[in-house]
Amino acid sequence: MYLIDIVLDQANIPADQADEMLTTHRDWFGKYARSGHFLIVGPYRDQAHAGIVVAQAENRAALDAILAEDVYFADRLARYTVREFQANLVAEHIEQFKGQ
């Protein structure tokens, strides 16, 4: 499993494209939440234009391919910090991901 920290580079996102890009970014979250790759997605409350994703993927290469689809990725308009972890203690309602 992976913990992904995403911070948008607001200074370099074209103002005339910002709303459209954010919508595309949110659609990307939805696509991978529906597929079961993104388990938890949400913005930070103490940092604007940043948030976290708890994800599961077959391996790091598969996750990297998913990240490469984000609208901000190609032009380096966001910083993606990825940490791999093992879920040893998992709440009952998400038990299927324990140990991954």
PDB file of N, CA and C in Angstrom:
ATOM      1  N   MET A   1       0.851  -1.174   0.000  1.00  0.00           N
ATOM      2  CA  MET A   1       0.000   0.000   0.000  1.00  0.00           C
ATOM      3  C   MET A   1       0.888   1.225   0.000  1.00  0.00           C
ATOM      4  N   TYR A   2       0.296   2.341  -0.370  1.00  0.00           N
ATOM      5  CA  TYR A   2       1.069   3.567  -0.531  1.00  0.00           C
ATOM      6  C   TYR A   2       0.345   4.759   0.085  1.00  0.00           C
ATOM      7  N   LEU A   3       1.127   5.641   0.631  1.00  0.00           N
ATOM      8  CA  LEU A   3       0.650   6.927   1.113  1.00  0.00           C
ATOM      9  C   LEU A   3       1.224   7.967   0.163  1.00  0.00           C
ATOM     10  N   ILE A   4       0.354   8.743  -0.449  1.00  0.00           N
ATOM     11  CA  ILE A   4       0.778   9.717  -1.448  1.00  0.00           C
ATOM     12  C   ILE A   4       0.412  11.114  -0.973  1.00  0.00           C
ATOM     13  N   ASP A   5       1.401  11.969  -0.890  1.00  0.00           N
ATOM     14  CA  ASP A   5       1.227  13.375  -0.538  1.00  0.00           C
ATOM     15  C   ASP A   5       1.302  14.155  -1.847  1.00  0.00           C
ATOM     16  N   ILE A   6       0.270  14.917  -2.157  1.00  0.00           N
ATOM     17  CA  ILE A   6       0.243  15.698  -3.397  1.00  0.00           C
ATOM     18  C   ILE A   6       0.126  17.173  -3.032  1.00  0.00           C
ATOM     19  N   VAL A   7       1.041  17.979  -3.559  1.00  0.00           N
ATOM     20  CA  VAL A   7       1.023  19.425  -3.338  1.00  0.00           C
ATOM     21  C   VAL A   7       1.065  20.102  -4.705  1.00  0.00           C
ATOM     22  N   LEU A   8       0.021  20.860  -5.006  1.00  0.00           N
ATOM     23  CA  LEU A   8      -0.024  21.577  -6.288  1.00  0.00           C
ATOM     24  C   LEU A   8       0.913  22.778  -6.262  1.00  0.00           C
ATOM     25  N   ASP A   9       1.508  23.059  -7.407  1.00  0.00           N
ATOM     26  CA  ASP A   9       2.385  24.212  -7.579  1.00  0.00           C
ATOM     27  C   ASP A   9       1.543  25.359  -8.140  1.00  0.00           C
ATOM     28  N   GLN A  10       0.776  25.983  -7.277  1.00  0.00           N
ATOM     29  CA  GLN A  10      -0.183  27.020  -7.694  1.00  0.00           C
ATOM     30  C   GLN A  10       0.461  28.148  -8.493  1.00  0.00           C
ATOM     31  N   ALA A  11       1.706  28.478  -8.195  1.00  0.00           N
ATOM     32  CA  ALA A  11       2.382  29.587  -8.868  1.00  0.00           C
ATOM     33  C   ALA A  11       2.583  29.322 -10.354  1.00  0.00           C
ATOM     34  N   ASN A  12       2.622  28.054 -10.748  1.00  0.00           N
ATOM     35  CA  ASN A  12       2.888  27.725 -12.151  1.00  0.00           C
ATOM     36  C   ASN A  12       1.694  27.158 -12.905  1.00  0.00           C
ATOM     37  N   ILE A  13       0.561  27.046 -12.245  1.00  0.00           N
ATOM     38  CA  ILE A  13      -0.649  26.584 -12.919  1.00  0.00           C
ATOM     39  C   ILE A  13      -1.279  27.779 -13.618  1.00  0.00           C
ATOM     40  N   PRO A  14      -1.455  27.704 -14.944  1.00  0.00           N
ATOM     41  CA  PRO A  14      -2.039  28.834 -15.677  1.00  0.00           C
ATOM     42  C   PRO A  14      -3.415  29.202 -15.116  1.00  0.00           C
ATOM     43  N   ALA A  15      -3.580  30.454 -14.761  1.00  0.00           N
ATOM     44  CA  ALA A  15      -4.830  30.912 -14.139  1.00  0.00           C
ATOM     45  C   ALA A  15      -6.043  30.612 -15.006  1.00  0.00           C
ATOM     46  N   ASP A  16      -5.887  30.738 -16.316  1.00  0.00           N
ATOM     47  CA  ASP A  16      -7.021  30.515 -17.212  1.00  0.00           C
ATOM     48  C   ASP A  16      -7.360  29.028 -17.375  1.00  0.00           C
ATOM     49  N   GLN A  17      -6.530  28.141 -16.849  1.00  0.00           N
ATOM     50  CA  GLN A  17      -6.775  26.703 -16.933  1.00  0.00           C
ATOM     51  C   GLN A  17      -6.989  26.058 -15.563  1.00  0.00           C
ATOM     52  N   ALA A  18      -6.866  26.843 -14.509  1.00  0.00           N
ATOM     53  CA  ALA A  18      -6.878  26.297 -13.142  1.00  0.00           C
ATOM     54  C   ALA A  18      -8.159  25.526 -12.822  1.00  0.00           C
ATOM     55  N   ASP A  19      -9.324  26.087 -13.126  1.00  0.00           N
ATOM     56  CA  ASP A  19     -10.584  25.417 -12.789  1.00  0.00           C
ATOM     57  C   ASP A  19     -10.752  24.118 -13.570  1.00  0.00           C
ATOM     58  N   GLU A  20     -10.451  24.164 -14.858  1.00  0.00           N
ATOM     59  CA  GLU A  20     -10.573  22.973 -15.698  1.00  0.00           C
ATOM     60  C   GLU A  20      -9.600  21.878 -15.247  1.00  0.00           C
ATOM     61  N   MET A  21      -8.384  22.274 -14.901  1.00  0.00           N
ATOM     62  CA  MET A  21      -7.393  21.298 -14.448  1.00  0.00           C
ATOM     63  C   MET A  21      -7.816  20.664 -13.125  1.00  0.00           C
ATOM     64  N   LEU A  22      -8.370  21.468 -12.225  1.00  0.00           N
ATOM     65  CA  LEU A  22      -8.814  20.928 -10.942  1.00  0.00           C
ATOM     66  C   LEU A  22      -9.956  19.933 -11.141  1.00  0.00           C
ATOM     67  N   THR A  23     -10.860  20.235 -12.047  1.00  0.00           N
ATOM     68  CA  THR A  23     -11.951  19.306 -12.347  1.00  0.00           C
ATOM     69  C   THR A  23     -11.403  17.996 -12.899  1.00  0.00           C
ATOM     70  N   THR A  24     -10.439  18.083 -13.797  1.00  0.00           N
ATOM     71  CA  THR A  24      -9.815  16.888 -14.372  1.00  0.00           C
ATOM     72  C   THR A  24      -9.090  16.090 -13.292  1.00  0.00           C
ATOM     73  N   HIS A  25      -8.417  16.796 -12.400  1.00  0.00           N
ATOM     74  CA  HIS A  25      -7.713  16.166 -11.271  1.00  0.00           C
ATOM     75  C   HIS A  25      -8.706  15.414 -10.384  1.00  0.00           C
ATOM     76  N   ARG A  26      -9.822  16.013 -10.079  1.00  0.00           N
ATOM     77  CA  ARG A  26     -10.840  15.368  -9.248  1.00  0.00           C
ATOM     78  C   ARG A  26     -11.462  14.166  -9.959  1.00  0.00           C
ATOM     79  N   ASP A  27     -11.637  14.266 -11.274  1.00  0.00           N
ATOM     80  CA  ASP A  27     -12.146  13.132 -12.053  1.00  0.00           C
ATOM     81  C   ASP A  27     -11.168  11.958 -11.996  1.00  0.00           C
ATOM     82  N   TRP A  28      -9.869  12.273 -12.033  1.00  0.00           N
ATOM     83  CA  TRP A  28      -8.821  11.248 -11.926  1.00  0.00           C
ATOM     84  C   TRP A  28      -8.928  10.544 -10.570  1.00  0.00           C
ATOM     85  N   PHE A  29      -9.115  11.310  -9.495  1.00  0.00           N
ATOM     86  CA  PHE A  29      -9.322  10.707  -8.177  1.00  0.00           C
ATOM     87  C   PHE A  29     -10.511   9.747  -8.220  1.00  0.00           C
ATOM     88  N   GLY A  30     -11.612  10.210  -8.790  1.00  0.00           N
ATOM     89  CA  GLY A  30     -12.824   9.396  -8.846  1.00  0.00           C
ATOM     90  C   GLY A  30     -12.619   8.106  -9.618  1.00  0.00           C
ATOM     91  N   LYS A  31     -11.944   8.192 -10.742  1.00  0.00           N
ATOM     92  CA  LYS A  31     -11.675   7.011 -11.568  1.00  0.00           C
ATOM     93  C   LYS A  31     -10.945   5.952 -10.759  1.00  0.00           C
ATOM     94  N   TYR A  32      -9.913   6.362 -10.035  1.00  0.00           N
ATOM     95  CA  TYR A  32      -9.109   5.387  -9.307  1.00  0.00           C
ATOM     96  C   TYR A  32      -9.720   5.004  -7.961  1.00  0.00           C
ATOM     97  N   ALA A  33     -10.630   5.789  -7.445  1.00  0.00           N
ATOM     98  CA  ALA A  33     -11.392   5.367  -6.266  1.00  0.00           C
ATOM     99  C   ALA A  33     -12.375   4.273  -6.687  1.00  0.00           C
ATOM    100  N   ARG A  34     -13.037   4.476  -7.810  1.00  0.00           N
ATOM    101  CA  ARG A  34     -13.991   3.475  -8.301  1.00  0.00           C
ATOM    102  C   ARG A  34     -13.301   2.167  -8.661  1.00  0.00           C
ATOM    103  N   SER A  35     -12.069   2.240  -9.149  1.00  0.00           N
ATOM    104  CA  SER A  35     -11.346   1.017  -9.534  1.00  0.00           C
ATOM    105  C   SER A  35     -10.763   0.290  -8.326  1.00  0.00           C
ATOM    106  N   GLY A  36     -10.791   0.930  -7.145  1.00  0.00           N
ATOM    107  CA  GLY A  36     -10.260   0.316  -5.945  1.00  0.00           C
ATOM    108  C   GLY A  36      -8.795   0.608  -5.670  1.00  0.00           C
ATOM    109  N   HIS A  37      -8.181   1.452  -6.489  1.00  0.00           N
ATOM    110  CA  HIS A  37      -6.775   1.801  -6.264  1.00  0.00           C
ATOM    111  C   HIS A  37      -6.609   2.900  -5.214  1.00  0.00           C
ATOM    112  N   PHE A  38      -7.511   3.873  -5.198  1.00  0.00           N
ATOM    113  CA  PHE A  38      -7.452   4.934  -4.197  1.00  0.00           C
ATOM    114  C   PHE A  38      -8.482   4.608  -3.121  1.00  0.00           C
ATOM    115  N   LEU A  39      -8.005   4.342  -1.925  1.00  0.00           N
ATOM    116  CA  LEU A  39      -8.873   3.926  -0.834  1.00  0.00           C
ATOM    117  C   LEU A  39      -9.388   5.107  -0.035  1.00  0.00           C
ATOM    118  N   ILE A  40      -8.535   6.101   0.140  1.00  0.00           N
ATOM    119  CA  ILE A  40      -8.891   7.325   0.856  1.00  0.00           C
ATOM    120  C   ILE A  40      -8.259   8.483   0.106  1.00  0.00           C
ATOM    121  N   VAL A  41      -9.028   9.532  -0.143  1.00  0.00           N
ATOM    122  CA  VAL A  41      -8.538  10.733  -0.812  1.00  0.00           C
ATOM    123  C   VAL A  41      -9.115  11.930  -0.078  1.00  0.00           C
ATOM    124  N   GLY A  42      -8.277  12.911   0.194  1.00  0.00           N
ATOM    125  CA  GLY A  42      -8.815  14.111   0.818  1.00  0.00           C
ATOM    126  C   GLY A  42      -7.789  15.219   0.926  1.00  0.00           C
ATOM    127  N   PRO A  43      -8.280  16.447   0.988  1.00  0.00           N
ATOM    128  CA  PRO A  43      -7.385  17.603   1.122  1.00  0.00           C
ATOM    129  C   PRO A  43      -6.913  17.776   2.563  1.00  0.00           C
ATOM    130  N   TYR A  44      -5.770  18.394   2.696  1.00  0.00           N
ATOM    131  CA  TYR A  44      -5.303  18.773   4.026  1.00  0.00           C
ATOM    132  C   TYR A  44      -6.129  19.968   4.488  1.00  0.00           C
ATOM    133  N   ARG A  45      -6.426  20.016   5.742  1.00  0.00           N
ATOM    134  CA  ARG A  45      -7.147  21.159   6.295  1.00  0.00           C
ATOM    135  C   ARG A  45      -6.201  22.280   6.682  1.00  0.00           C
ATOM    136  N   ASP A  46      -4.922  21.957   6.839  1.00  0.00           N
ATOM    137  CA  ASP A  46      -3.953  22.968   7.275  1.00  0.00           C
ATOM    138  C   ASP A  46      -2.989  23.398   6.174  1.00  0.00           C
ATOM    139  N   GLN A  47      -3.261  22.986   4.920  1.00  0.00           N
ATOM    140  CA  GLN A  47      -2.412  23.386   3.796  1.00  0.00           C
ATOM    141  C   GLN A  47      -3.271  23.458   2.544  1.00  0.00           C
ATOM    142  N   ALA A  48      -3.342  24.623   1.945  1.00  0.00           N
ATOM    143  CA  ALA A  48      -4.133  24.807   0.731  1.00  0.00           C
ATOM    144  C   ALA A  48      -3.487  24.088  -0.449  1.00  0.00           C
ATOM    145  N   HIS A  49      -4.312  23.628  -1.363  1.00  0.00           N
ATOM    146  CA  HIS A  49      -3.861  23.023  -2.615  1.00  0.00           C
ATOM    147  C   HIS A  49      -2.973  21.804  -2.390  1.00  0.00           C
ATOM    148  N   ALA A  50      -3.299  21.023  -1.377  1.00  0.00           N
ATOM    149  CA  ALA A  50      -2.521  19.832  -1.050  1.00  0.00           C
ATOM    150  C   ALA A  50      -3.432  18.807  -0.395  1.00  0.00           C
ATOM    151  N   GLY A  51      -3.042  17.546  -0.514  1.00  0.00           N
ATOM    152  CA  GLY A  51      -3.840  16.510   0.114  1.00  0.00           C
ATOM    153  C   GLY A  51      -3.128  15.177   0.119  1.00  0.00           C
ATOM    154  N   ILE A  52      -3.888  14.172   0.504  1.00  0.00           N
ATOM    155  CA  ILE A  52      -3.321  12.840   0.713  1.00  0.00           C
ATOM    156  C   ILE A  52      -4.180  11.780   0.043  1.00  0.00           C
ATOM    157  N   VAL A  53      -3.507  10.720  -0.382  1.00  0.00           N
ATOM    158  CA  VAL A  53      -4.179   9.554  -0.953  1.00  0.00           C
ATOM    159  C   VAL A  53      -3.592   8.323  -0.282  1.00  0.00           C
ATOM    160  N   VAL A  54      -4.462   7.436   0.167  1.00  0.00           N
ATOM    161  CA  VAL A  54      -4.037   6.106   0.578  1.00  0.00           C
ATOM    162  C   VAL A  54      -4.411   5.210  -0.595  1.00  0.00           C
ATOM    163  N   ALA A  55      -3.412   4.564  -1.153  1.00  0.00           N
ATOM    164  CA  ALA A  55      -3.621   3.801  -2.383  1.00  0.00           C
ATOM    165  C   ALA A  55      -3.099   2.381  -2.246  1.00  0.00           C
ATOM    166  N   GLN A  56      -3.629   1.524  -3.098  1.00  0.00           N
ATOM    167  CA  GLN A  56      -3.084   0.190  -3.225  1.00  0.00           C
ATOM    168  C   GLN A  56      -2.932  -0.088  -4.714  1.00  0.00           C
ATOM    169  N   ALA A  57      -1.821  -0.713  -5.036  1.00  0.00           N
ATOM    170  CA  ALA A  57      -1.522  -1.057  -6.426  1.00  0.00           C
ATOM    171  C   ALA A  57      -0.672  -2.319  -6.413  1.00  0.00           C
ATOM    172  N   GLU A  58      -0.634  -2.971  -7.531  1.00  0.00           N
ATOM    173  CA  GLU A  58       0.117  -4.220  -7.676  1.00  0.00           C
ATOM    174  C   GLU A  58       1.584  -4.049  -7.285  1.00  0.00           C
ATOM    175  N   ASN A  59       2.151  -2.912  -7.670  1.00  0.00           N
ATOM    176  CA  ASN A  59       3.551  -2.615  -7.366  1.00  0.00           C
ATOM    177  C   ASN A  59       3.793  -1.130  -7.636  1.00  0.00           C
ATOM    178  N   ARG A  60       5.001  -0.673  -7.368  1.00  0.00           N
ATOM    179  CA  ARG A  60       5.310   0.748  -7.533  1.00  0.00           C
ATOM    180  C   ARG A  60       5.206   1.181  -8.984  1.00  0.00           C
ATOM    181  N   ALA A  61       5.593   0.329  -9.920  1.00  0.00           N
ATOM    182  CA  ALA A  61       5.493   0.681 -11.341  1.00  0.00           C
ATOM    183  C   ALA A  61       4.032   0.915 -11.734  1.00  0.00           C
ATOM    184  N   ALA A  62       3.134   0.089 -11.231  1.00  0.00           N
ATOM    185  CA  ALA A  62       1.703   0.269 -11.526  1.00  0.00           C
ATOM    186  C   ALA A  62       1.200   1.578 -10.925  1.00  0.00           C
ATOM    187  N   LEU A  63       1.636   1.887  -9.718  1.00  0.00           N
ATOM    188  CA  LEU A  63       1.240   3.154  -9.099  1.00  0.00           C
ATOM    189  C   LEU A  63       1.794   4.335  -9.885  1.00  0.00           C
ATOM    190  N   ASP A  64       3.036   4.252 -10.295  1.00  0.00           N
ATOM    191  CA  ASP A  64       3.640   5.332 -11.075  1.00  0.00           C
ATOM    192  C   ASP A  64       2.874   5.584 -12.374  1.00  0.00           C
ATOM    193  N   ALA A  65       2.384   4.521 -13.001  1.00  0.00           N
ATOM    194  CA  ALA A  65       1.581   4.681 -14.221  1.00  0.00           C
ATOM    195  C   ALA A  65       0.275   5.415 -13.919  1.00  0.00           C
ATOM    196  N   ILE A  66      -0.325   5.123 -12.774  1.00  0.00           N
ATOM    197  CA  ILE A  66      -1.544   5.822 -12.364  1.00  0.00           C
ATOM    198  C   ILE A  66      -1.240   7.300 -12.113  1.00  0.00           C
ATOM    199  N   LEU A  67      -0.173   7.584 -11.389  1.00  0.00           N
ATOM    200  CA  LEU A  67       0.190   8.978 -11.104  1.00  0.00           C
ATOM    201  C   LEU A  67       0.461   9.754 -12.382  1.00  0.00           C
ATOM    202  N   ALA A  68       1.052   9.106 -13.354  1.00  0.00           N
ATOM    203  CA  ALA A  68       1.385   9.770 -14.621  1.00  0.00           C
ATOM    204  C   ALA A  68       0.144  10.233 -15.379  1.00  0.00           C
ATOM    205  N   GLU A  69      -1.014   9.693 -15.040  1.00  0.00           N
ATOM    206  CA  GLU A  69      -2.264  10.113 -15.690  1.00  0.00           C
ATOM    207  C   GLU A  69      -2.839  11.401 -15.111  1.00  0.00           C
ATOM    208  N   ASP A  70      -2.349  11.836 -13.971  1.00  0.00           N
ATOM    209  CA  ASP A  70      -2.889  13.063 -13.366  1.00  0.00           C
ATOM    210  C   ASP A  70      -2.558  14.264 -14.246  1.00  0.00           C
ATOM    211  N   VAL A  71      -3.486  15.160 -14.369  1.00  0.00           N
ATOM    212  CA  VAL A  71      -3.347  16.334 -15.234  1.00  0.00           C
ATOM    213  C   VAL A  71      -2.146  17.204 -14.848  1.00  0.00           C
ATOM    214  N   TYR A  72      -1.760  17.194 -13.604  1.00  0.00           N
ATOM    215  CA  TYR A  72      -0.649  18.027 -13.147  1.00  0.00           C
ATOM    216  C   TYR A  72       0.717  17.355 -13.318  1.00  0.00           C
ATOM    217  N   PHE A  73       0.724  16.066 -13.588  1.00  0.00           N
ATOM    218  CA  PHE A  73       1.956  15.290 -13.553  1.00  0.00           C
ATOM    219  C   PHE A  73       2.941  15.657 -14.672  1.00  0.00           C
ATOM    220  N   ALA A  74       2.495  15.638 -15.901  1.00  0.00           N
ATOM    221  CA  ALA A  74       3.397  15.786 -17.053  1.00  0.00           C
ATOM    222  C   ALA A  74       4.200  17.088 -17.017  1.00  0.00           C
ATOM    223  N   ASP A  75       3.556  18.161 -16.619  1.00  0.00           N
ATOM    224  CA  ASP A  75       4.223  19.464 -16.596  1.00  0.00           C
ATOM    225  C   ASP A  75       4.804  19.804 -15.223  1.00  0.00           C
ATOM    226  N   ARG A  76       4.846  18.808 -14.349  1.00  0.00           N
ATOM    227  CA  ARG A  76       5.390  18.982 -12.995  1.00  0.00           C
ATOM    228  C   ARG A  76       4.720  20.134 -12.246  1.00  0.00           C
ATOM    229  N   LEU A  77       3.395  20.154 -12.328  1.00  0.00           N
ATOM    230  CA  LEU A  77       2.624  21.186 -11.654  1.00  0.00           C
ATOM    231  C   LEU A  77       2.171  20.748 -10.270  1.00  0.00           C
ATOM    232  N   ALA A  78       2.665  19.613  -9.850  1.00  0.00           N
ATOM    233  CA  ALA A  78       2.416  19.112  -8.493  1.00  0.00           C
ATOM    234  C   ALA A  78       3.617  18.280  -8.063  1.00  0.00           C
ATOM    235  N   ARG A  79       3.785  18.207  -6.759  1.00  0.00           N
ATOM    236  CA  ARG A  79       4.821  17.347  -6.180  1.00  0.00           C
ATOM    237  C   ARG A  79       4.114  16.135  -5.578  1.00  0.00           C
ATOM    238  N   TYR A  80       4.558  14.956  -5.949  1.00  0.00           N
ATOM    239  CA  TYR A  80       3.995  13.711  -5.472  1.00  0.00           C
ATOM    240  C   TYR A  80       5.052  13.019  -4.616  1.00  0.00           C
ATOM    241  N   THR A  81       4.803  12.908  -3.329  1.00  0.00           N
ATOM    242  CA  THR A  81       5.698  12.182  -2.440  1.00  0.00           C
ATOM    243  C   THR A  81       5.013  10.865  -2.118  1.00  0.00           C
ATOM    244  N   VAL A  82       5.673   9.771  -2.452  1.00  0.00           N
ATOM    245  CA  VAL A  82       5.071   8.445  -2.291  1.00  0.00           C
ATOM    246  C   VAL A  82       5.869   7.662  -1.254  1.00  0.00           C
ATOM    247  N   ARG A  83       5.143   7.092  -0.300  1.00  0.00           N
ATOM    248  CA  ARG A  83       5.747   6.233   0.720  1.00  0.00           C
ATOM    249  C   ARG A  83       5.013   4.902   0.694  1.00  0.00           C
ATOM    250  N   GLU A  84       5.758   3.821   0.654  1.00  0.00           N
ATOM    251  CA  GLU A  84       5.148   2.492   0.690  1.00  0.00           C
ATOM    252  C   GLU A  84       5.064   2.038   2.147  1.00  0.00           C
ATOM    253  N   PHE A  85       3.953   1.400   2.492  1.00  0.00           N
ATOM    254  CA  PHE A  85       3.804   0.896   3.845  1.00  0.00           C
ATOM    255  C   PHE A  85       3.008  -0.400   3.837  1.00  0.00           C
ATOM    256  N   GLN A  86       3.066  -1.092   4.944  1.00  0.00           N
ATOM    257  CA  GLN A  86       2.303  -2.319   5.135  1.00  0.00           C
ATOM    258  C   GLN A  86       1.210  -2.031   6.147  1.00  0.00           C
ATOM    259  N   ALA A  87      -0.013  -2.320   5.784  1.00  0.00           N
ATOM    260  CA  ALA A  87      -1.153  -2.087   6.675  1.00  0.00           C
ATOM    261  C   ALA A  87      -1.322  -3.286   7.607  1.00  0.00           C
ATOM    262  N   ASN A  88      -0.835  -3.154   8.830  1.00  0.00           N
ATOM    263  CA  ASN A  88      -0.941  -4.250   9.793  1.00  0.00           C
ATOM    264  C   ASN A  88      -2.205  -4.178  10.635  1.00  0.00           C
ATOM    265  N   LEU A  89      -2.629  -3.002  10.971  1.00  0.00           N
ATOM    266  CA  LEU A  89      -3.845  -2.810  11.746  1.00  0.00           C
ATOM    267  C   LEU A  89      -4.814  -2.050  10.860  1.00  0.00           C
ATOM    268  N   VAL A  90      -5.926  -2.693  10.546  1.00  0.00           N
ATOM    269  CA  VAL A  90      -6.882  -2.133   9.587  1.00  0.00           C
ATOM    270  C   VAL A  90      -8.273  -2.170  10.203  1.00  0.00           C
ATOM    271  N   ALA A  91      -8.993  -1.071  10.089  1.00  0.00           N
ATOM    272  CA  ALA A  91     -10.368  -1.037  10.592  1.00  0.00           C
ATOM    273  C   ALA A  91     -11.189  -2.142   9.930  1.00  0.00           C
ATOM    274  N   GLU A  92     -12.135  -2.678  10.676  1.00  0.00           N
ATOM    275  CA  GLU A  92     -12.902  -3.831  10.216  1.00  0.00           C
ATOM    276  C   GLU A  92     -13.536  -3.630   8.835  1.00  0.00           C
ATOM    277  N   HIS A  93     -14.066  -2.462   8.560  1.00  0.00           N
ATOM    278  CA  HIS A  93     -14.777  -2.253   7.299  1.00  0.00           C
ATOM    279  C   HIS A  93     -13.852  -2.179   6.087  1.00  0.00           C
ATOM    280  N   ILE A  94     -12.543  -2.147   6.280  1.00  0.00           N
ATOM    281  CA  ILE A  94     -11.628  -2.200   5.142  1.00  0.00           C
ATOM    282  C   ILE A  94     -10.638  -3.366   5.307  1.00  0.00           C
ATOM    283  N   GLU A  95     -11.103  -4.393   5.929  1.00  0.00           N
ATOM    284  CA  GLU A  95     -10.313  -5.579   6.249  1.00  0.00           C
ATOM    285  C   GLU A  95      -9.639  -6.205   5.025  1.00  0.00           C
ATOM    286  N   GLN A  96     -10.264  -6.127   3.872  1.00  0.00           N
ATOM    287  CA  GLN A  96      -9.713  -6.776   2.676  1.00  0.00           C
ATOM    288  C   GLN A  96      -8.329  -6.263   2.290  1.00  0.00           C
ATOM    289  N   PHE A  97      -7.912  -5.127   2.784  1.00  0.00           N
ATOM    290  CA  PHE A  97      -6.610  -4.556   2.424  1.00  0.00           C
ATOM    291  C   PHE A  97      -5.529  -4.832   3.459  1.00  0.00           C
ATOM    292  N   LYS A  98      -5.856  -5.523   4.518  1.00  0.00           N
ATOM    293  CA  LYS A  98      -4.904  -5.811   5.574  1.00  0.00           C
ATOM    294  C   LYS A  98      -3.708  -6.614   5.050  1.00  0.00           C
ATOM    295  N   GLY A  99      -2.504  -6.157   5.384  1.00  0.00           N
ATOM    296  CA  GLY A  99      -1.300  -6.858   4.986  1.00  0.00           C
ATOM    297  C   GLY A  99      -0.766  -6.525   3.610  1.00  0.00           C
ATOM    298  N   GLN A 100      -1.461  -5.739   2.867  1.00  0.00           N
ATOM    299  CA  GLN A 100      -0.991  -5.388   1.515  1.00  0.00           C
ATOM    300  C   GLN A 100      -0.085  -4.189   1.552  1.00  0.00           C
TER     301      GLN A 100
END
